[in-house]
PDB file of N, CA and C in Angstrom:
ATOM      1  N   MET A   1     224.609 -30.759-229.715  1.00  0.00           N
ATOM      2  CA  MET A   1     224.645 -29.761-230.198  1.00  0.00           C
ATOM      3  C   MET A   1     223.740 -28.559-230.137  1.00  0.00           C
ATOM      4  N   ASN A   2     222.988 -28.442-229.984  1.00  0.00           N
ATOM      5  CA  ASN A   2     221.534 -28.036-229.268  1.00  0.00           C
ATOM      6  C   ASN A   2     221.969 -27.273-227.935  1.00  0.00           C
ATOM      7  N   ASP A   3     221.842 -28.358-227.319  1.00  0.00           N
ATOM      8  CA  ASP A   3     221.805 -27.491-226.167  1.00  0.00           C
ATOM      9  C   ASP A   3     223.579 -26.660-225.331  1.00  0.00           C
ATOM     10  N   ARG A   4     224.497 -26.991-226.519  1.00  0.00           N
ATOM     11  CA  ARG A   4     225.703 -26.029-226.082  1.00  0.00           C
ATOM     12  C   ARG A   4     226.019 -24.746-226.804  1.00  0.00           C
ATOM     13  N   PHE A   5     224.969 -25.005-227.869  1.00  0.00           N
ATOM     14  CA  PHE A   5     224.395 -23.097-228.166  1.00  0.00           C
ATOM     15  C   PHE A   5     223.499 -22.522-227.214  1.00  0.00           C
ATOM     16  N   ASN A   6     223.062 -23.161-227.366  1.00  0.00           N
ATOM     17  CA  ASN A   6     221.926 -22.520-226.292  1.00  0.00           C
ATOM     18  C   ASN A   6     222.334 -21.728-224.289  1.00  0.00           C
ATOM     19  N   LYS A   7     223.548 -22.492-224.150  1.00  0.00           N
ATOM     20  CA  LYS A   7     224.573 -22.800-222.911  1.00  0.00           C
ATOM     21  C   LYS A   7     224.955 -21.093-223.440  1.00  0.00           C
ATOM     22  N   LEU A   8     225.661 -21.489-225.014  1.00  0.00           N
ATOM     23  CA  LEU A   8     226.361 -20.520-225.079  1.00  0.00           C
ATOM     24  C   LEU A   8     226.313 -18.554-224.785  1.00  0.00           C
ATOM     25  N   LEU A   9     224.426 -18.612-225.418  1.00  0.00           N
ATOM     26  CA  LEU A   9     223.506 -17.175-225.263  1.00  0.00           C
ATOM     27  C   LEU A   9     223.677 -17.593-224.732  1.00  0.00           C
ATOM     28  N   GLN A  10     223.298 -18.007-223.314  1.00  0.00           N
ATOM     29  CA  GLN A  10     223.244 -17.081-221.382  1.00  0.00           C
ATOM     30  C   GLN A  10     223.810 -16.299-220.921  1.00  0.00           C
ATOM     31  N   LEU A  11     222.977 -15.097-220.762  1.00  0.00           N
ATOM     32  CA  LEU A  11     223.878 -14.617-220.745  1.00  0.00           C
ATOM     33  C   LEU A  11     223.401 -14.282-219.057  1.00  0.00           C
ATOM     34  N   ASN A  12     224.309 -14.045-218.084  1.00  0.00           N
ATOM     35  CA  ASN A  12     224.413 -14.077-216.598  1.00  0.00           C
ATOM     36  C   ASN A  12     223.941 -12.186-216.123  1.00  0.00           C
ATOM     37  N   THR A  13     221.960 -12.108-215.667  1.00  0.00           N
ATOM     38  CA  THR A  13     222.023 -10.363-216.040  1.00  0.00           C
ATOM     39  C   THR A  13     221.985 -10.255-214.663  1.00  0.00           C
ATOM     40  N   SER A  14     221.663 -11.519-213.930  1.00  0.00           N
ATOM     41  CA  SER A  14     221.669 -11.407-212.166  1.00  0.00           C
ATOM     42  C   SER A  14     222.451 -10.148-211.137  1.00  0.00           C
ATOM     43  N   GLY A  15     223.357  -9.765-211.240  1.00  0.00           N
ATOM     44  CA  GLY A  15     223.363  -7.809-211.103  1.00  0.00           C
ATOM     45  C   GLY A  15     223.612  -6.813-211.541  1.00  0.00           C
ATOM     46  N   LEU A  16     223.045  -7.055-212.493  1.00  0.00           N
ATOM     47  CA  LEU A  16     222.378  -5.569-213.762  1.00  0.00           C
ATOM     48  C   LEU A  16     221.212  -4.640-212.948  1.00  0.00           C
ATOM     49  N   GLY A  17     220.131  -4.843-212.317  1.00  0.00           N
ATOM     50  CA  GLY A  17     219.655  -4.530-212.055  1.00  0.00           C
ATOM     51  C   GLY A  17     220.099  -3.629-210.807  1.00  0.00           C
ATOM     52  N   CYS A  18     221.295  -3.805-210.675  1.00  0.00           N
ATOM     53  CA  CYS A  18     221.830  -3.339-209.007  1.00  0.00           C
ATOM     54  C   CYS A  18     222.319  -2.417-209.534  1.00  0.00           C
ATOM     55  N   TRP A  19     223.491  -2.687-210.422  1.00  0.00           N
ATOM     56  CA  TRP A  19     223.950  -1.394-211.656  1.00  0.00           C
ATOM     57  C   TRP A  19     223.058  -0.341-212.924  1.00  0.00           C
ATOM     58  N   ALA A  20     222.007  -0.733-212.361  1.00  0.00           N
ATOM     59  CA  ALA A  20     220.594   0.082-213.550  1.00  0.00           C
ATOM     60  C   ALA A  20     221.443   1.114-212.254  1.00  0.00           C
ATOM     61  N   SER A  21     221.025   0.732-211.085  1.00  0.00           N
ATOM     62  CA  SER A  21     219.887   1.392-210.264  1.00  0.00           C
ATOM     63  C   SER A  21     221.389   2.536-209.745  1.00  0.00           C
ATOM     64  N   ILE A  22     221.987   1.878-209.203  1.00  0.00           N
ATOM     65  CA  ILE A  22     223.762   2.648-209.371  1.00  0.00           C
ATOM     66  C   ILE A  22     223.692   4.267-210.234  1.00  0.00           C
ATOM     67  N   ILE A  23     223.368   2.749-211.749  1.00  0.00           N
ATOM     68  CA  ILE A  23     223.733   4.429-212.910  1.00  0.00           C
ATOM     69  C   ILE A  23     222.216   5.094-212.684  1.00  0.00           C
ATOM     70  N   LEU A  24     221.157   5.223-212.900  1.00  0.00           N
ATOM     71  CA  LEU A  24     220.638   6.073-212.749  1.00  0.00           C
ATOM     72  C   LEU A  24     220.608   6.523-210.976  1.00  0.00           C
ATOM     73  N   GLY A  25     220.998   6.515-210.100  1.00  0.00           N
ATOM     74  CA  GLY A  25     220.907   7.332-209.007  1.00  0.00           C
ATOM     75  C   GLY A  25     222.163   8.732-209.093  1.00  0.00           C
ATOM     76  N   ILE A  26     223.172   8.226-209.608  1.00  0.00           N
ATOM     77  CA  ILE A  26     224.650   8.652-210.268  1.00  0.00           C
ATOM     78  C   ILE A  26     223.724  10.377-211.836  1.00  0.00           C
ATOM     79  N   PHE A  27     223.455   9.685-212.694  1.00  0.00           N
ATOM     80  CA  PHE A  27     222.527  10.255-213.390  1.00  0.00           C
ATOM     81  C   PHE A  27     221.747  11.305-212.942  1.00  0.00           C
ATOM     82  N   LEU A  28     221.047  11.139-212.034  1.00  0.00           N
ATOM     83  CA  LEU A  28     219.592  11.881-210.996  1.00  0.00           C
ATOM     84  C   LEU A  28     220.701  12.652-210.249  1.00  0.00           C
ATOM     85  N   VAL A  29     221.050  12.806-209.848  1.00  0.00           N
ATOM     86  CA  VAL A  29     222.165  13.043-208.293  1.00  0.00           C
ATOM     87  C   VAL A  29     222.898  14.320-209.800  1.00  0.00           C
ATOM     88  N   THR A  30     223.916  13.642-210.694  1.00  0.00           N
ATOM     89  CA  THR A  30     224.678  15.250-211.087  1.00  0.00           C
ATOM     90  C   THR A  30     223.804  16.082-211.997  1.00  0.00           C
ATOM     91  N   SER A  31     222.087  15.285-212.928  1.00  0.00           N
ATOM     92  CA  SER A  31     221.728  16.089-213.645  1.00  0.00           C
ATOM     93  C   SER A  31     220.872  17.481-212.782  1.00  0.00           C
ATOM     94  N   LEU A  32     220.388  17.286-211.555  1.00  0.00           N
ATOM     95  CA  LEU A  32     220.009  18.166-209.957  1.00  0.00           C
ATOM     96  C   LEU A  32     220.905  19.361-209.490  1.00  0.00           C
ATOM     97  N   GLY A  33     222.246  18.180-209.892  1.00  0.00           N
ATOM     98  CA  GLY A  33     223.250  19.312-208.940  1.00  0.00           C
ATOM     99  C   GLY A  33     223.513  18.769-207.170  1.00  0.00           C
ATOM    100  N   LEU A  34     224.438  18.753-206.637  1.00  0.00           N
ATOM    101  CA  LEU A  34     225.188  18.257-206.024  1.00  0.00           C
ATOM    102  C   LEU A  34     224.196  18.923-204.646  1.00  0.00           C
ATOM    103  N   GLY A  35     224.492  20.338-204.958  1.00  0.00           N
ATOM    104  CA  GLY A  35     224.239  21.326-203.619  1.00  0.00           C
ATOM    105  C   GLY A  35     223.313  21.207-202.728  1.00  0.00           C
ATOM    106  N   TRP A  36     222.744  20.515-203.116  1.00  0.00           N
ATOM    107  CA  TRP A  36     220.768  20.531-202.168  1.00  0.00           C
ATOM    108  C   TRP A  36     221.275  19.191-201.350  1.00  0.00           C
ATOM    109  N   VAL A  37     222.184  18.472-202.291  1.00  0.00           N
ATOM    110  CA  VAL A  37     222.198  17.128-201.370  1.00  0.00           C
ATOM    111  C   VAL A  37     222.833  17.597-199.717  1.00  0.00           C
ATOM    112  N   ILE A  38     224.162  17.542-200.499  1.00  0.00           N
ATOM    113  CA  ILE A  38     225.503  18.870-199.622  1.00  0.00           C
ATOM    114  C   ILE A  38     224.408  19.340-198.238  1.00  0.00           C
ATOM    115  N   LYS A  39     223.596  20.007-198.403  1.00  0.00           N
ATOM    116  CA  LYS A  39     223.474  21.257-197.762  1.00  0.00           C
ATOM    117  C   LYS A  39     222.164  20.658-196.734  1.00  0.00           C
ATOM    118  N   GLY A  40     221.441  19.847-197.622  1.00  0.00           N
ATOM    119  CA  GLY A  40     220.511  19.101-197.109  1.00  0.00           C
ATOM    120  C   GLY A  40     221.052  18.134-195.839  1.00  0.00           C
ATOM    121  N   PHE A  41     222.351  17.333-196.263  1.00  0.00           N
ATOM    122  CA  PHE A  41     222.441  16.607-195.148  1.00  0.00           C
ATOM    123  C   PHE A  41     223.201  17.634-194.264  1.00  0.00           C
ATOM    124  N   ALA A  42     224.220  18.672-194.262  1.00  0.00           N
ATOM    125  CA  ALA A  42     224.865  19.279-193.553  1.00  0.00           C
ATOM    126  C   ALA A  42     223.721  20.012-192.423  1.00  0.00           C
ATOM    127  N   ILE A  43     222.235  19.868-192.851  1.00  0.00           N
ATOM    128  CA  ILE A  43     221.681  20.749-191.987  1.00  0.00           C
ATOM    129  C   ILE A  43     220.881  19.669-191.564  1.00  0.00           C
ATOM    130  N   PHE A  44     221.349  18.912-191.231  1.00  0.00           N
ATOM    131  CA  PHE A  44     219.951  16.863-190.970  1.00  0.00           C
ATOM    132  C   PHE A  44     221.479  17.195-189.651  1.00  0.00           C
ATOM    133  N   ILE A  45     223.093  17.108-190.231  1.00  0.00           N
ATOM    134  CA  ILE A  45     223.998  16.742-189.040  1.00  0.00           C
ATOM    135  C   ILE A  45     223.855  18.045-187.648  1.00  0.00           C
ATOM    136  N   ALA A  46     223.343  18.766-188.548  1.00  0.00           N
ATOM    137  CA  ALA A  46     223.652  20.262-188.157  1.00  0.00           C
ATOM    138  C   ALA A  46     221.983  20.556-186.871  1.00  0.00           C
ATOM    139  N   LEU A  47     220.992  19.731-187.456  1.00  0.00           N
ATOM    140  CA  LEU A  47     220.081  19.385-185.867  1.00  0.00           C
ATOM    141  C   LEU A  47     220.040  18.689-184.981  1.00  0.00           C
ATOM    142  N   LEU A  48     221.226  17.704-185.458  1.00  0.00           N
ATOM    143  CA  LEU A  48     221.366  16.790-184.948  1.00  0.00           C
ATOM    144  C   LEU A  48     221.760  17.077-183.983  1.00  0.00           C
ATOM    145  N   PHE A  49     223.448  17.696-184.042  1.00  0.00           N
ATOM    146  CA  PHE A  49     223.478  17.698-182.679  1.00  0.00           C
ATOM    147  C   PHE A  49     222.824  19.613-182.118  1.00  0.00           C
ATOM    148  N   VAL A  50     222.205  20.398-182.663  1.00  0.00           N
ATOM    149  CA  VAL A  50     221.107  21.427-181.684  1.00  0.00           C
ATOM    150  C   VAL A  50     220.258  21.174-181.129  1.00  0.00           C
ATOM    151  N   ILE A  51     219.509  20.526-181.615  1.00  0.00           N
ATOM    152  CA  ILE A  51     217.846  19.835-181.488  1.00  0.00           C
ATOM    153  C   ILE A  51     217.790  19.048-179.664  1.00  0.00           C
ATOM    154  N   PRO A  52     219.073  18.004-179.663  1.00  0.00           N
ATOM    155  CA  PRO A  52     219.236  17.610-177.922  1.00  0.00           C
ATOM    156  C   PRO A  52     220.233  19.090-177.367  1.00  0.00           C
ATOM    157  N   VAL A  53     220.612  19.579-176.882  1.00  0.00           N
ATOM    158  CA  VAL A  53     220.931  21.074-177.013  1.00  0.00           C
ATOM    159  C   VAL A  53     220.193  21.896-176.221  1.00  0.00           C
ATOM    160  N   ILE A  54     218.716  22.627-177.242  1.00  0.00           N
ATOM    161  CA  ILE A  54     217.358  23.254-176.941  1.00  0.00           C
ATOM    162  C   ILE A  54     216.052  21.658-176.031  1.00  0.00           C
ATOM    163  N   ALA A  55     216.996  20.644-176.528  1.00  0.00           N
ATOM    164  CA  ALA A  55     215.798  19.974-175.740  1.00  0.00           C
ATOM    165  C   ALA A  55     216.075  20.468-173.752  1.00  0.00           C
ATOM    166  N   PHE A  56     217.676  19.673-173.990  1.00  0.00           N
ATOM    167  CA  PHE A  56     217.445  19.837-172.599  1.00  0.00           C
ATOM    168  C   PHE A  56     217.848  21.194-171.401  1.00  0.00           C
ATOM    169  N   TRP A  57     218.291  22.245-172.355  1.00  0.00           N
ATOM    170  CA  TRP A  57     217.676  23.280-171.626  1.00  0.00           C
ATOM    171  C   TRP A  57     216.342  23.944-171.069  1.00  0.00           C
ATOM    172  N   GLY A  58     215.096  23.804-172.010  1.00  0.00           N
ATOM    173  CA  GLY A  58     214.153  23.913-172.217  1.00  0.00           C
ATOM    174  C   GLY A  58     213.336  23.020-171.355  1.00  0.00           C
ATOM    175  N   LEU A  59     213.431  21.597-171.006  1.00  0.00           N
ATOM    176  CA  LEU A  59     213.458  20.451-170.065  1.00  0.00           C
ATOM    177  C   LEU A  59     213.922  21.331-168.880  1.00  0.00           C
ATOM    178  N   GLN A  60     215.637  21.708-168.941  1.00  0.00           N
ATOM    179  CA  GLN A  60     215.338  22.444-167.400  1.00  0.00           C
ATOM    180  C   GLN A  60     214.641  24.175-166.923  1.00  0.00           C
ATOM    181  N   TRP A  61     214.474  24.636-168.049  1.00  0.00           N
ATOM    182  CA  TRP A  61     213.866  25.764-167.664  1.00  0.00           C
ATOM    183  C   TRP A  61     212.619  25.615-166.836  1.00  0.00           C
ATOM    184  N   TRP A  62     211.756  24.448-168.180  1.00  0.00           N
ATOM    185  CA  TRP A  62     210.210  23.704-167.600  1.00  0.00           C
ATOM    186  C   TRP A  62     210.458  23.526-166.149  1.00  0.00           C
ATOM    187  N   LEU A  63     211.275  22.762-165.734  1.00  0.00           N
ATOM    188  CA  LEU A  63     211.228  22.650-164.450  1.00  0.00           C
ATOM    189  C   LEU A  63     211.569  22.744-163.559  1.00  0.00           C
ATOM    190  N   LYS A  64     211.971  23.791-163.399  1.00  0.00           N
ATOM    191  CA  LYS A  64     212.873  25.220-162.262  1.00  0.00           C
ATOM    192  C   LYS A  64     211.163  25.909-162.347  1.00  0.00           C
ATOM    193  N   ARG A  65     210.267  26.207-163.670  1.00  0.00           N
ATOM    194  CA  ARG A  65     209.176  26.656-163.401  1.00  0.00           C
ATOM    195  C   ARG A  65     207.913  25.846-162.079  1.00  0.00           C
ATOM    196  N   LYS A  66     208.209  24.685-162.694  1.00  0.00           N
ATOM    197  CA  LYS A  66     207.147  24.186-161.533  1.00  0.00           C
ATOM    198  C   LYS A  66     207.384  23.172-160.749  1.00  0.00           C
ATOM    199  N   LEU A  67     208.771  22.764-160.241  1.00  0.00           N
ATOM    200  CA  LEU A  67     209.183  21.928-159.405  1.00  0.00           C
ATOM    201  C   LEU A  67     209.418  23.518-158.187  1.00  0.00           C
ATOM    202  N   VAL A  68     208.667  22.493-157.009  1.00  0.00           N
ATOM    203  CA  VAL A  68     208.943  22.944-155.296  1.00  0.00           C
ATOM    204  C   VAL A  68     209.371  22.464-154.910  1.00  0.00           C
ATOM    205  N   GLN A  69     210.608  22.761-154.178  1.00  0.00           N
ATOM    206  CA  GLN A  69     211.688  21.579-152.771  1.00  0.00           C
ATOM    207  C   GLN A  69     210.926  22.562-151.444  1.00  0.00           C
ATOM    208  N   ALA A  70     210.275  21.879-150.469  1.00  0.00           N
ATOM    209  CA  ALA A  70     210.194  22.098-149.845  1.00  0.00           C
ATOM    210  C   ALA A  70     209.709  20.992-148.377  1.00  0.00           C
ATOM    211  N   GLN A  71     209.871  21.755-147.227  1.00  0.00           N
ATOM    212  CA  GLN A  71     209.126  21.032-146.016  1.00  0.00           C
ATOM    213  C   GLN A  71     208.169  20.444-145.851  1.00  0.00           C
ATOM    214  N   CYS A  72     207.286  19.367-145.688  1.00  0.00           N
ATOM    215  CA  CYS A  72     205.754  18.984-144.843  1.00  0.00           C
ATOM    216  C   CYS A  72     205.728  19.890-144.017  1.00  0.00           C
ATOM    217  N   PRO A  73     204.943  19.820-143.614  1.00  0.00           N
ATOM    218  CA  PRO A  73     205.008  21.021-142.699  1.00  0.00           C
ATOM    219  C   PRO A  73     204.078  20.110-141.468  1.00  0.00           C
ATOM    220  N   VAL A  74     203.241  18.946-141.578  1.00  0.00           N
ATOM    221  CA  VAL A  74     203.475  17.993-140.465  1.00  0.00           C
ATOM    222  C   VAL A  74     204.675  17.353-139.979  1.00  0.00           C
ATOM    223  N   CYS A  75     205.195  16.833-140.727  1.00  0.00           N
ATOM    224  CA  CYS A  75     206.542  16.318-139.893  1.00  0.00           C
ATOM    225  C   CYS A  75     208.278  16.199-140.729  1.00  0.00           C
ATOM    226  N   SER A  76     208.863  17.502-141.332  1.00  0.00           N
ATOM    227  CA  SER A  76     209.290  18.526-141.868  1.00  0.00           C
ATOM    228  C   SER A  76     210.049  17.387-142.716  1.00  0.00           C
ATOM    229  N   TYR A  77     209.861  16.776-143.182  1.00  0.00           N
ATOM    230  CA  TYR A  77     210.467  15.417-144.417  1.00  0.00           C
ATOM    231  C   TYR A  77     210.345  16.643-146.027  1.00  0.00           C
ATOM    232  N   GLU A  78     211.833  16.556-146.136  1.00  0.00           N
ATOM    233  CA  GLU A  78     211.615  17.743-147.647  1.00  0.00           C
ATOM    234  C   GLU A  78     211.760  16.425-148.355  1.00  0.00           C
ATOM    235  N   PHE A  79     210.826  16.997-149.540  1.00  0.00           N
ATOM    236  CA  PHE A  79     210.600  16.677-150.958  1.00  0.00           C
ATOM    237  C   PHE A  79     210.860  17.444-152.061  1.00  0.00           C
ATOM    238  N   THR A  80     209.922  17.001-152.879  1.00  0.00           N
ATOM    239  CA  THR A  80     209.795  17.533-154.617  1.00  0.00           C
ATOM    240  C   THR A  80     208.292  17.330-155.066  1.00  0.00           C
ATOM    241  N   GLY A  81     207.211  18.689-154.674  1.00  0.00           N
ATOM    242  CA  GLY A  81     206.558  18.123-155.940  1.00  0.00           C
ATOM    243  C   GLY A  81     206.048  19.747-157.197  1.00  0.00           C
ATOM    244  N   PHE A  82     205.480  19.256-157.809  1.00  0.00           N
ATOM    245  CA  PHE A  82     204.630  19.994-159.288  1.00  0.00           C
ATOM    246  C   PHE A  82     203.904  20.881-158.326  1.00  0.00           C
ATOM    247  N   LYS A  83     204.053  22.295-158.945  1.00  0.00           N
ATOM    248  CA  LYS A  83     203.199  24.026-158.671  1.00  0.00           C
ATOM    249  C   LYS A  83     201.907  23.209-158.281  1.00  0.00           C
ATOM    250  N   HIS A  84     200.580  23.572-157.883  1.00  0.00           N
ATOM    251  CA  HIS A  84     199.535  23.182-157.616  1.00  0.00           C
ATOM    252  C   HIS A  84     198.917  22.461-158.454  1.00  0.00           C
ATOM    253  N   THR A  85     199.332  21.049-157.360  1.00  0.00           N
ATOM    254  CA  THR A  85     199.262  20.048-157.681  1.00  0.00           C
ATOM    255  C   THR A  85     198.897  19.553-155.672  1.00  0.00           C
ATOM    256  N   GLU A  86     198.064  19.022-156.026  1.00  0.00           N
ATOM    257  CA  GLU A  86     197.899  17.797-154.623  1.00  0.00           C
ATOM    258  C   GLU A  86     198.113  16.386-154.213  1.00  0.00           C
ATOM    259  N   PHE A  87     198.600  15.722-153.677  1.00  0.00           N
ATOM    260  CA  PHE A  87     199.274  14.579-152.596  1.00  0.00           C
ATOM    261  C   PHE A  87     199.176  14.496-151.699  1.00  0.00           C
ATOM    262  N   ASN A  88     199.763  13.306-150.568  1.00  0.00           N
ATOM    263  CA  ASN A  88     199.927  12.936-149.823  1.00  0.00           C
ATOM    264  C   ASN A  88     201.780  12.997-149.430  1.00  0.00           C
ATOM    265  N   CYS A  89     201.673  13.074-148.374  1.00  0.00           N
ATOM    266  CA  CYS A  89     203.782  13.591-147.780  1.00  0.00           C
ATOM    267  C   CYS A  89     203.871  11.988-147.981  1.00  0.00           C
ATOM    268  N   PRO A  90     205.110  11.314-148.541  1.00  0.00           N
ATOM    269  CA  PRO A  90     205.776   9.794-148.297  1.00  0.00           C
ATOM    270  C   PRO A  90     205.966   9.476-147.387  1.00  0.00           C
ATOM    271  N   SER A  91     206.213  10.861-146.286  1.00  0.00           N
ATOM    272  CA  SER A  91     206.588   9.761-144.797  1.00  0.00           C
ATOM    273  C   SER A  91     205.612   9.786-143.243  1.00  0.00           C
ATOM    274  N   CYS A  92     204.357  10.863-144.134  1.00  0.00           N
ATOM    275  CA  CYS A  92     203.393  10.651-142.793  1.00  0.00           C
ATOM    276  C   CYS A  92     202.703  10.559-143.015  1.00  0.00           C
ATOM    277  N   GLY A  93     201.883  10.605-145.246  1.00  0.00           N
ATOM    278  CA  GLY A  93     200.397  10.721-145.250  1.00  0.00           C
ATOM    279  C   GLY A  93     199.966  11.321-145.391  1.00  0.00           C
ATOM    280  N   GLU A  94     199.940  12.860-144.319  1.00  0.00           N
ATOM    281  CA  GLU A  94     199.530  13.637-144.579  1.00  0.00           C
ATOM    282  C   GLU A  94     198.816  14.773-145.662  1.00  0.00           C
ATOM    283  N   ALA A  95     197.744  14.486-146.238  1.00  0.00           N
ATOM    284  CA  ALA A  95     197.495  15.049-147.341  1.00  0.00           C
ATOM    285  C   ALA A  95     197.770  17.258-147.765  1.00  0.00           C
ATOM    286  N   LEU A  96     198.548  17.470-148.875  1.00  0.00           N
ATOM    287  CA  LEU A  96     199.253  18.816-149.177  1.00  0.00           C
ATOM    288  C   LEU A  96     198.296  18.967-150.103  1.00  0.00           C
ATOM    289  N   GLN A  97     199.335  20.171-150.875  1.00  0.00           N
ATOM    290  CA  GLN A  97     198.918  21.385-151.341  1.00  0.00           C
ATOM    291  C   GLN A  97     199.924  21.976-151.665  1.00  0.00           C
ATOM    292  N   VAL A  98     200.589  22.102-153.281  1.00  0.00           N
ATOM    293  CA  VAL A  98     202.019  22.844-153.561  1.00  0.00           C
ATOM    294  C   VAL A  98     202.043  24.080-153.971  1.00  0.00           C
ATOM    295  N   GLU A  99     202.108  25.135-152.430  1.00  0.00           N
ATOM    296  CA  GLU A  99     201.654  26.448-153.517  1.00  0.00           C
ATOM    297  C   GLU A  99     202.616  27.244-154.485  1.00  0.00           C
ATOM    298  N   ALA A 100     202.762  28.161-154.707  1.00  0.00           N
ATOM    299  CA  ALA A 100     204.042  28.384-155.461  1.00  0.00           C
ATOM    300  C   ALA A 100     205.342  29.155-154.851  1.00  0.00           C
ATOM    301  N   THR A 101     205.661  28.790-152.888  1.00  0.00           N
ATOM    302  CA  THR A 101     206.694  28.310-152.511  1.00  0.00           C
ATOM    303  C   THR A 101     206.821  27.410-151.543  1.00  0.00           C
ATOM    304  N   GLY A 102     206.046  26.587-151.400  1.00  0.00           N
ATOM    305  CA  GLY A 102     206.178  25.645-149.988  1.00  0.00           C
ATOM    306  C   GLY A 102     204.539  24.706-150.601  1.00  0.00           C
ATOM    307  N   PHE A 103     204.143  24.032-149.512  1.00  0.00           N
ATOM    308  CA  PHE A 103     203.677  22.858-149.579  1.00  0.00           C
ATOM    309  C   PHE A 103     202.937  23.427-148.174  1.00  0.00           C
ATOM    310  N   SER A 104     200.906  23.280-148.650  1.00  0.00           N
ATOM    311  CA  SER A 104     199.981  23.634-147.470  1.00  0.00           C
ATOM    312  C   SER A 104     199.002  22.089-146.598  1.00  0.00           C
ATOM    313  N   ARG A 105     199.000  22.126-145.836  1.00  0.00           N
ATOM    314  CA  ARG A 105     198.009  21.105-145.462  1.00  0.00           C
ATOM    315  C   ARG A 105     196.843  22.057-145.824  1.00  0.00           C
ATOM    316  N   ILE A 106     195.930  20.654-146.450  1.00  0.00           N
ATOM    317  CA  ILE A 106     194.565  20.404-146.944  1.00  0.00           C
ATOM    318  C   ILE A 106     193.319  19.891-145.927  1.00  0.00           C
ATOM    319  N   THR A 107     192.689  21.397-145.214  1.00  0.00           N
ATOM    320  CA  THR A 107     192.058  20.943-144.185  1.00  0.00           C
ATOM    321  C   THR A 107     190.737  21.274-144.599  1.00  0.00           C
ATOM    322  N   PRO A 108     189.676  21.058-143.956  1.00  0.00           N
ATOM    323  CA  PRO A 108     188.274  21.214-144.650  1.00  0.00           C
ATOM    324  C   PRO A 108     187.953  22.921-143.640  1.00  0.00           C
ATOM    325  N   PRO A 109     187.171  23.518-144.210  1.00  0.00           N
ATOM    326  CA  PRO A 109     187.103  25.162-142.904  1.00  0.00           C
ATOM    327  C   PRO A 109     186.921  24.371-142.399  1.00  0.00           C
ATOM    328  N   GLY A 110     187.068  25.294-140.946  1.00  0.00           N
ATOM    329  CA  GLY A 110     186.452  24.583-139.070  1.00  0.00           C
ATOM    330  C   GLY A 110     187.810  23.540-139.174  1.00  0.00           C
ATOM    331  N   THR A 111     188.091  23.091-139.038  1.00  0.00           N
ATOM    332  CA  THR A 111     189.146  21.944-138.424  1.00  0.00           C
ATOM    333  C   THR A 111     190.050  22.805-138.168  1.00  0.00           C
ATOM    334  N   ILE A 112     190.171  21.867-136.356  1.00  0.00           N
ATOM    335  CA  ILE A 112     191.023  22.677-135.211  1.00  0.00           C
ATOM    336  C   ILE A 112     192.222  21.403-135.255  1.00  0.00           C
ATOM    337  N   ASP A 113     193.571  22.165-135.580  1.00  0.00           N
ATOM    338  CA  ASP A 113     194.047  20.921-134.766  1.00  0.00           C
ATOM    339  C   ASP A 113     194.561  20.763-134.122  1.00  0.00           C
ATOM    340  N   VAL A 114     194.957  20.193-133.185  1.00  0.00           N
ATOM    341  CA  VAL A 114     194.969  19.548-131.941  1.00  0.00           C
ATOM    342  C   VAL A 114     196.777  19.000-131.658  1.00  0.00           C
ATOM    343  N   ASP A 115     197.372  18.718-130.452  1.00  0.00           N
ATOM    344  CA  ASP A 115     197.921  18.395-129.566  1.00  0.00           C
ATOM    345  C   ASP A 115     197.731  16.706-129.258  1.00  0.00           C
ATOM    346  N   ALA A 116     197.225  15.799-129.546  1.00  0.00           N
ATOM    347  CA  ALA A 116     197.087  14.813-128.494  1.00  0.00           C
ATOM    348  C   ALA A 116     198.410  14.389-128.114  1.00  0.00           C
ATOM    349  N   ILE A 117     197.965  13.976-125.909  1.00  0.00           N
ATOM    350  CA  ILE A 117     199.907  13.797-125.367  1.00  0.00           C
ATOM    351  C   ILE A 117     199.041  12.161-124.732  1.00  0.00           C
ATOM    352  N   GLU A 118     199.911  11.167-124.558  1.00  0.00           N
ATOM    353  CA  GLU A 118     199.701  10.292-123.763  1.00  0.00           C
ATOM    354  C   GLU A 118     199.289  10.354-122.343  1.00  0.00           C
ATOM    355  N   VAL A 119     198.443  10.386-122.120  1.00  0.00           N
ATOM    356  CA  VAL A 119     198.207  10.362-120.291  1.00  0.00           C
ATOM    357  C   VAL A 119     198.088   8.404-120.019  1.00  0.00           C
ATOM    358  N   SER A 120     199.544   8.768-118.570  1.00  0.00           N
ATOM    359  CA  SER A 120     199.940   7.159-118.448  1.00  0.00           C
ATOM    360  C   SER A 120     198.101   7.107-117.229  1.00  0.00           C
ATOM    361  N   VAL A 121     198.054   5.543-117.457  1.00  0.00           N
ATOM    362  CA  VAL A 121     196.507   5.047-116.732  1.00  0.00           C
ATOM    363  C   VAL A 121     197.080   4.933-115.538  1.00  0.00           C
ATOM    364  N   LYS A 122     196.054   5.854-114.437  1.00  0.00           N
ATOM    365  CA  LYS A 122     196.552   5.186-112.817  1.00  0.00           C
ATOM    366  C   LYS A 122     195.207   4.311-112.033  1.00  0.00           C
ATOM    367  N   THR A 123     195.020   3.489-111.275  1.00  0.00           N
ATOM    368  CA  THR A 123     194.063   2.855-110.374  1.00  0.00           C
ATOM    369  C   THR A 123     193.635   3.696-109.443  1.00  0.00           C
ATOM    370  N   ILE A 124     192.424   4.593-109.033  1.00  0.00           N
ATOM    371  CA  ILE A 124     192.177   5.334-108.053  1.00  0.00           C
ATOM    372  C   ILE A 124     191.364   4.054-107.044  1.00  0.00           C
ATOM    373  N   GLU A 125     192.140   4.355-106.343  1.00  0.00           N
ATOM    374  CA  GLU A 125     191.896   2.469-105.403  1.00  0.00           C
ATOM    375  C   GLU A 125     190.522   3.458-104.184  1.00  0.00           C
ATOM    376  N   GLU A 126     189.467   2.874-103.457  1.00  0.00           N
ATOM    377  CA  GLU A 126     188.173   3.672-103.145  1.00  0.00           C
ATOM    378  C   GLU A 126     188.243   3.392-101.587  1.00  0.00           C
ATOM    379  N   SER A 127     188.721   4.565-100.905  1.00  0.00           N
ATOM    380  CA  SER A 127     189.144   3.846 -99.538  1.00  0.00           C
ATOM    381  C   SER A 127     187.428   4.372 -98.640  1.00  0.00           C
ATOM    382  N   ASN A 128     186.987   3.549 -97.518  1.00  0.00           N
ATOM    383  CA  ASN A 128     185.463   3.995 -97.042  1.00  0.00           C
ATOM    384  C   ASN A 128     185.453   3.537 -96.091  1.00  0.00           C
TER     385      ASN A 128
END
């Protein structure tokens, strides 16, 4: 008989913590006012839409200032490079430097450019 009495007095309080949290949250929001919550949420949503647009425009502006598209002075291959950098042409492998409007070769002072031509081999017969 004592066992049945204990079972009748047991309370199921498993969901009480959840309800207490909800009631406490509602109490805090109503006591402080809902204005700041709604304004904060609206500002957050506005920033979510505005920041990517500004970042996209900023990236385009930066790329227009920093990129140069021109032809290689050696092989006339057209490609893009960052201003004030040095790299090799992807087509011919020539060392190039990016200037304000195009590419220029990186050559040490005193270097003379020559064009090589192919000469056919002929044998000369000696006549005595």
